[in-house]
Structures are given as structure tokens and as C-alpha cells.
């Protein structure tokens, strides 16, 4: 989680919570990756 926060993809990972909140930049990157992986 710390690595994702350092890259600006998530914000403030506290402890071992099962949910995270994507930053706006992280959401854009996640959508781009999902498109590349799943739009065959």
C-alpha cells in the first residue's frame, strides 16, 4: 500500500483496511490499464 501511495495512486492507506480510495490520477491510470487488459 505504501508503494501505491508513494506513486500517487491511492491516498492515506491506514493500517490493514480492506478498502482504499483512489486518487484522481490513480483512477485514470486504473481505467487505462483495465482498458488495455480487457478490451481485446
PDB file of N, CA and C in Angstrom:
ATOM      1  N   UNK A   1       0.812  -1.185   0.000  1.00  0.00           N
ATOM      2  CA  UNK A   1       0.000   0.000   0.000  1.00  0.00           C
ATOM      3  C   UNK A   1       0.862   1.257   0.000  1.00  0.00           C
ATOM      4  N   UNK A   2       1.960   1.203   0.725  1.00  0.00           N
ATOM      5  CA  UNK A   2       2.827   2.373   0.782  1.00  0.00           C
ATOM      6  C   UNK A   2       3.377   2.710  -0.597  1.00  0.00           C
ATOM      7  N   UNK A   3       3.735   1.692  -1.370  1.00  0.00           N
ATOM      8  CA  UNK A   3       4.253   1.940  -2.717  1.00  0.00           C
ATOM      9  C   UNK A   3       3.203   2.616  -3.590  1.00  0.00           C
ATOM     10  N   UNK A   4       1.947   2.198  -3.490  1.00  0.00           N
ATOM     11  CA  UNK A   4       0.883   2.833  -4.260  1.00  0.00           C
ATOM     12  C   UNK A   4       0.665   4.275  -3.823  1.00  0.00           C
ATOM     13  N   UNK A   5       0.763   4.524  -2.527  1.00  0.00           N
ATOM     14  CA  UNK A   5       0.634   5.906  -2.050  1.00  0.00           C
ATOM     15  C   UNK A   5       1.804   6.749  -2.549  1.00  0.00           C
ATOM     16  N   UNK A   6       3.005   6.198  -2.514  1.00  0.00           N
ATOM     17  CA  UNK A   6       4.184   6.932  -2.983  1.00  0.00           C
ATOM     18  C   UNK A   6       4.072   7.298  -4.458  1.00  0.00           C
ATOM     19  N   UNK A   7       3.393   6.453  -5.240  1.00  0.00           N
ATOM     20  CA  UNK A   7       3.208   6.720  -6.668  1.00  0.00           C
ATOM     21  C   UNK A   7       2.022   7.646  -6.925  1.00  0.00           C
ATOM     22  N   UNK A   8       1.298   8.026  -5.876  1.00  0.00           N
ATOM     23  CA  UNK A   8       0.172   8.928  -6.028  1.00  0.00           C
ATOM     24  C   UNK A   8      -1.097   8.252  -6.504  1.00  0.00           C
ATOM     25  N   UNK A   9      -1.174   6.924  -6.399  1.00  0.00           N
ATOM     26  CA  UNK A   9      -2.340   6.207  -6.903  1.00  0.00           C
ATOM     27  C   UNK A   9      -3.434   6.035  -5.859  1.00  0.00           C
ATOM     28  N   UNK A  10      -3.088   6.056  -4.588  1.00  0.00           N
ATOM     29  CA  UNK A  10      -4.079   5.978  -3.521  1.00  0.00           C
ATOM     30  C   UNK A  10      -3.740   7.039  -2.488  1.00  0.00           C
ATOM     31  N   UNK A  11      -4.716   7.335  -1.649  1.00  0.00           N
ATOM     32  CA  UNK A  11      -4.457   8.332  -0.620  1.00  0.00           C
ATOM     33  C   UNK A  11      -4.552   7.713   0.757  1.00  0.00           C
ATOM     34  N   UNK A  12      -3.624   8.045   1.592  1.00  0.00           N
ATOM     35  CA  UNK A  12      -3.595   7.721   3.009  1.00  0.00           C
ATOM     36  C   UNK A  12      -4.028   6.297   3.383  1.00  0.00           C
ATOM     37  N   UNK A  13      -3.220   5.279   3.055  1.00  0.00           N
ATOM     38  CA  UNK A  13      -3.584   3.920   3.454  1.00  0.00           C
ATOM     39  C   UNK A  13      -3.371   3.743   4.954  1.00  0.00           C
ATOM     40  N   UNK A  14      -4.426   3.577   5.694  1.00  0.00           N
ATOM     41  CA  UNK A  14      -4.312   3.454   7.154  1.00  0.00           C
ATOM     42  C   UNK A  14      -4.449   2.001   7.553  1.00  0.00           C
ATOM     43  N   UNK A  15      -3.406   1.458   8.121  1.00  0.00           N
ATOM     44  CA  UNK A  15      -3.454   0.095   8.637  1.00  0.00           C
ATOM     45  C   UNK A  15      -3.718  -0.943   7.567  1.00  0.00           C
ATOM     46  N   UNK A  16      -4.523  -1.927   7.914  1.00  0.00           N
ATOM     47  CA  UNK A  16      -4.788  -3.030   7.002  1.00  0.00           C
ATOM     48  C   UNK A  16      -6.242  -3.019   6.551  1.00  0.00           C
ATOM     49  N   UNK A  17      -6.783  -1.862   6.295  1.00  0.00           N
ATOM     50  CA  UNK A  17      -8.170  -1.748   5.844  1.00  0.00           C
ATOM     51  C   UNK A  17      -8.350  -2.485   4.520  1.00  0.00           C
ATOM     52  N   UNK A  18      -9.531  -3.038   4.331  1.00  0.00           N
ATOM     53  CA  UNK A  18      -9.802  -3.779   3.104  1.00  0.00           C
ATOM     54  C   UNK A  18     -10.195  -2.873   1.953  1.00  0.00           C
ATOM     55  N   UNK A  19     -10.468  -1.622   2.229  1.00  0.00           N
ATOM     56  CA  UNK A  19     -10.840  -0.717   1.149  1.00  0.00           C
ATOM     57  C   UNK A  19      -9.846   0.436   1.095  1.00  0.00           C
ATOM     58  N   UNK A  20      -9.687   0.979  -0.087  1.00  0.00           N
ATOM     59  CA  UNK A  20      -8.801   2.109  -0.297  1.00  0.00           C
ATOM     60  C   UNK A  20      -9.549   3.134  -1.142  1.00  0.00           C
ATOM     61  N   UNK A  21      -9.019   4.326  -1.212  1.00  0.00           N
ATOM     62  CA  UNK A  21      -9.607   5.353  -2.055  1.00  0.00           C
ATOM     63  C   UNK A  21      -8.569   5.755  -3.090  1.00  0.00           C
ATOM     64  N   UNK A  22      -8.952   5.641  -4.364  1.00  0.00           N
ATOM     65  CA  UNK A  22      -8.048   6.034  -5.434  1.00  0.00           C
ATOM     66  C   UNK A  22      -7.998   7.549  -5.538  1.00  0.00           C
ATOM     67  N   UNK A  23      -6.828   8.055  -5.851  1.00  0.00           N
ATOM     68  CA  UNK A  23      -6.708   9.472  -6.166  1.00  0.00           C
ATOM     69  C   UNK A  23      -7.242   9.657  -7.582  1.00  0.00           C
ATOM     70  N   UNK A  24      -7.521  10.883  -7.996  1.00  0.00           N
ATOM     71  CA  UNK A  24      -7.968  11.099  -9.381  1.00  0.00           C
ATOM     72  C   UNK A  24      -6.963  10.541 -10.400  1.00  0.00           C
ATOM     73  N   UNK A  25      -5.675  10.717 -10.133  1.00  0.00           N
ATOM     74  CA  UNK A  25      -4.654  10.192 -11.040  1.00  0.00           C
ATOM     75  C   UNK A  25      -4.650   8.662 -11.040  1.00  0.00           C
ATOM     76  N   UNK A  26      -4.835   8.079  -9.869  1.00  0.00           N
ATOM     77  CA  UNK A  26      -4.885   6.625  -9.769  1.00  0.00           C
ATOM     78  C   UNK A  26      -6.076   6.049 -10.513  1.00  0.00           C
ATOM     79  N   UNK A  27      -7.206   6.744 -10.464  1.00  0.00           N
ATOM     80  CA  UNK A  27      -8.397   6.287 -11.169  1.00  0.00           C
ATOM     81  C   UNK A  27      -8.181   6.319 -12.677  1.00  0.00           C
ATOM     82  N   UNK A  28      -7.570   7.375 -13.164  1.00  0.00           N
ATOM     83  CA  UNK A  28      -7.273   7.466 -14.602  1.00  0.00           C
ATOM     84  C   UNK A  28      -6.363   6.318 -15.019  1.00  0.00           C
ATOM     85  N   UNK A  29      -5.331   6.085 -14.250  1.00  0.00           N
ATOM     86  CA  UNK A  29      -4.386   5.013 -14.595  1.00  0.00           C
ATOM     87  C   UNK A  29      -5.055   3.642 -14.522  1.00  0.00           C
ATOM     88  N   UNK A  30      -5.896   3.422 -13.522  1.00  0.00           N
ATOM     89  CA  UNK A  30      -6.605   2.154 -13.393  1.00  0.00           C
ATOM     90  C   UNK A  30      -7.518   1.918 -14.590  1.00  0.00           C
ATOM     91  N   UNK A  31      -8.217   2.954 -15.031  1.00  0.00           N
ATOM     92  CA  UNK A  31      -9.093   2.817 -16.198  1.00  0.00           C
ATOM     93  C   UNK A  31      -8.294   2.512 -17.459  1.00  0.00           C
ATOM     94  N   UNK A  32      -7.151   3.168 -17.613  1.00  0.00           N
ATOM     95  CA  UNK A  32      -6.299   2.911 -18.783  1.00  0.00           C
ATOM     96  C   UNK A  32      -5.802   1.468 -18.784  1.00  0.00           C
ATOM     97  N   UNK A  33      -5.367   0.985 -17.631  1.00  0.00           N
ATOM     98  CA  UNK A  33      -4.876  -0.387 -17.543  1.00  0.00           C
ATOM     99  C   UNK A  33      -5.995  -1.396 -17.787  1.00  0.00           C
ATOM    100  N   UNK A  34      -7.164  -1.151 -17.223  1.00  0.00           N
ATOM    101  CA  UNK A  34      -8.295  -2.059 -17.429  1.00  0.00           C
ATOM    102  C   UNK A  34      -8.675  -2.104 -18.905  1.00  0.00           C
ATOM    103  N   UNK A  35      -8.667  -0.968 -19.561  1.00  0.00           N
ATOM    104  CA  UNK A  35      -8.990  -0.926 -20.993  1.00  0.00           C
ATOM    105  C   UNK A  35      -7.992  -1.761 -21.788  1.00  0.00           C
ATOM    106  N   UNK A  36      -6.706  -1.576 -21.503  1.00  0.00           N
ATOM    107  CA  UNK A  36      -5.681  -2.330 -22.240  1.00  0.00           C
ATOM    108  C   UNK A  36      -5.790  -3.823 -21.979  1.00  0.00           C
ATOM    109  N   UNK A  37      -6.101  -4.209 -20.745  1.00  0.00           N
ATOM    110  CA  UNK A  37      -6.144  -5.623 -20.384  1.00  0.00           C
ATOM    111  C   UNK A  37      -7.408  -6.325 -20.857  1.00  0.00           C
ATOM    112  N   UNK A  38      -8.535  -5.632 -20.845  1.00  0.00           N
ATOM    113  CA  UNK A  38      -9.808  -6.310 -21.037  1.00  0.00           C
ATOM    114  C   UNK A  38     -10.563  -5.928 -22.298  1.00  0.00           C
ATOM    115  N   UNK A  39      -9.995  -5.115 -23.150  1.00  0.00           N
ATOM    116  CA  UNK A  39     -10.702  -4.734 -24.384  1.00  0.00           C
ATOM    117  C   UNK A  39     -10.027  -5.379 -25.592  1.00  0.00           C
ATOM    118  N   UNK A  40     -10.059  -6.677 -25.595  1.00  0.00           N
ATOM    119  CA  UNK A  40      -9.360  -7.478 -26.580  1.00  0.00           C
ATOM    120  C   UNK A  40      -9.727  -7.258 -27.965  1.00  0.00           C
TER     121      UNK A  40
END
